[in-house]
Amino acid sequence: MSTLRFKTTINCANCVRAVTPSLNQEVGASNWQVDTASTDKVLTITAPSATAAQIVLAVTEAGFEIQPLAT
């Protein structure tokens, strides 16, 4: 299973709630998490079929900035 990591602007519980429907639809509820305590607000995806482009599109459409982190 691959793990994708992204720097985002998802910075609080309300932001997480706002992006939840998009990410749940794309990768499933148990396949993502956001570390809102980190300075980079890191979104981690652990879904076998997820692509970086798919995640960037879902998060951007939910109204947040996102960029892949180097692995």
Protein backbone atom coordinates (compact mmCIF):
# COMPACT_ATOMS: atom_id res chain seq x y z
CA MET A 1 0.00 0.00 0.00
CA SER A 2 1.37 3.39 -0.92
CA THR A 3 1.35 6.42 1.30
CA LEU A 4 0.95 9.91 -0.14
CA ARG A 5 1.72 13.04 1.91
CA PHE A 6 0.73 16.62 1.17
CA LYS A 7 1.22 20.06 2.66
CA THR A 8 -2.21 21.72 2.97
CA THR A 9 -4.12 24.68 4.37
CA ILE A 10 -6.50 22.35 6.25
CA ASN A 11 -5.79 23.86 9.65
CA CYS A 12 -8.68 23.26 12.05
CA ALA A 13 -11.56 20.95 12.89
CA ASN A 14 -13.96 22.98 10.73
CA CYS A 15 -11.58 22.66 7.78
CA VAL A 16 -11.37 18.90 8.32
CA ARG A 17 -15.17 18.72 8.33
CA ALA A 18 -15.30 20.72 5.11
CA VAL A 19 -12.92 18.43 3.24
CA THR A 20 -14.24 15.15 4.71
CA PRO A 21 -16.94 14.46 2.08
CA SER A 22 -14.49 14.91 -0.80
CA LEU A 23 -11.74 12.77 0.71
CA ASN A 24 -14.13 10.07 1.92
CA GLN A 25 -15.53 9.80 -1.59
CA GLU A 26 -12.08 9.63 -3.20
CA VAL A 27 -10.20 7.31 -0.82
CA GLY A 28 -12.57 6.12 1.93
CA ALA A 29 -13.04 7.36 5.48
CA SER A 30 -10.34 5.27 7.10
CA ASN A 31 -7.67 5.99 4.49
CA TRP A 32 -6.72 9.59 5.27
CA GLN A 33 -5.84 11.91 8.14
CA VAL A 34 -4.69 15.51 8.61
CA ASP A 35 -2.16 16.55 11.23
CA THR A 36 -3.51 20.03 12.01
CA ALA A 37 -0.90 20.45 14.76
CA SER A 38 2.02 20.34 12.30
CA THR A 39 3.18 23.57 10.66
CA ASP A 40 2.62 22.04 7.21
CA LYS A 41 -0.88 20.69 8.07
CA VAL A 42 0.14 17.35 6.59
CA LEU A 43 -2.53 15.26 4.88
CA THR A 44 -1.59 11.57 4.75
CA ILE A 45 -3.37 9.20 2.36
CA THR A 46 -2.99 5.43 2.71
CA ALA A 47 -5.17 4.12 -0.09
CA PRO A 48 -3.80 1.62 -2.61
CA SER A 49 -5.39 3.14 -5.69
CA ALA A 50 -5.17 6.86 -4.85
CA THR A 51 -3.14 9.13 -7.10
CA ALA A 52 -1.61 12.48 -6.17
CA ALA A 53 -3.57 14.21 -8.94
CA GLN A 54 -6.84 12.75 -7.66
CA ILE A 55 -6.16 13.98 -4.10
CA VAL A 56 -5.02 17.44 -5.23
CA LEU A 57 -8.21 17.84 -7.25
CA ALA A 58 -10.48 16.73 -4.39
CA VAL A 59 -8.84 19.03 -1.83
CA THR A 60 -8.67 21.99 -4.22
CA GLU A 61 -12.34 21.60 -5.10
CA ALA A 62 -13.12 21.63 -1.36
CA GLY A 63 -11.47 25.07 -1.20
CA PHE A 64 -8.03 24.33 0.23
CA GLU A 65 -4.48 24.67 -1.03
CA ILE A 66 -2.43 21.49 -1.34
CA GLN A 67 0.97 20.44 -2.63
CA PRO A 68 2.72 17.06 -2.57
CA LEU A 69 5.53 16.56 -0.08
CA ALA A 70 8.72 14.83 -1.16
CA THR A 71 8.78 11.23 -0.04
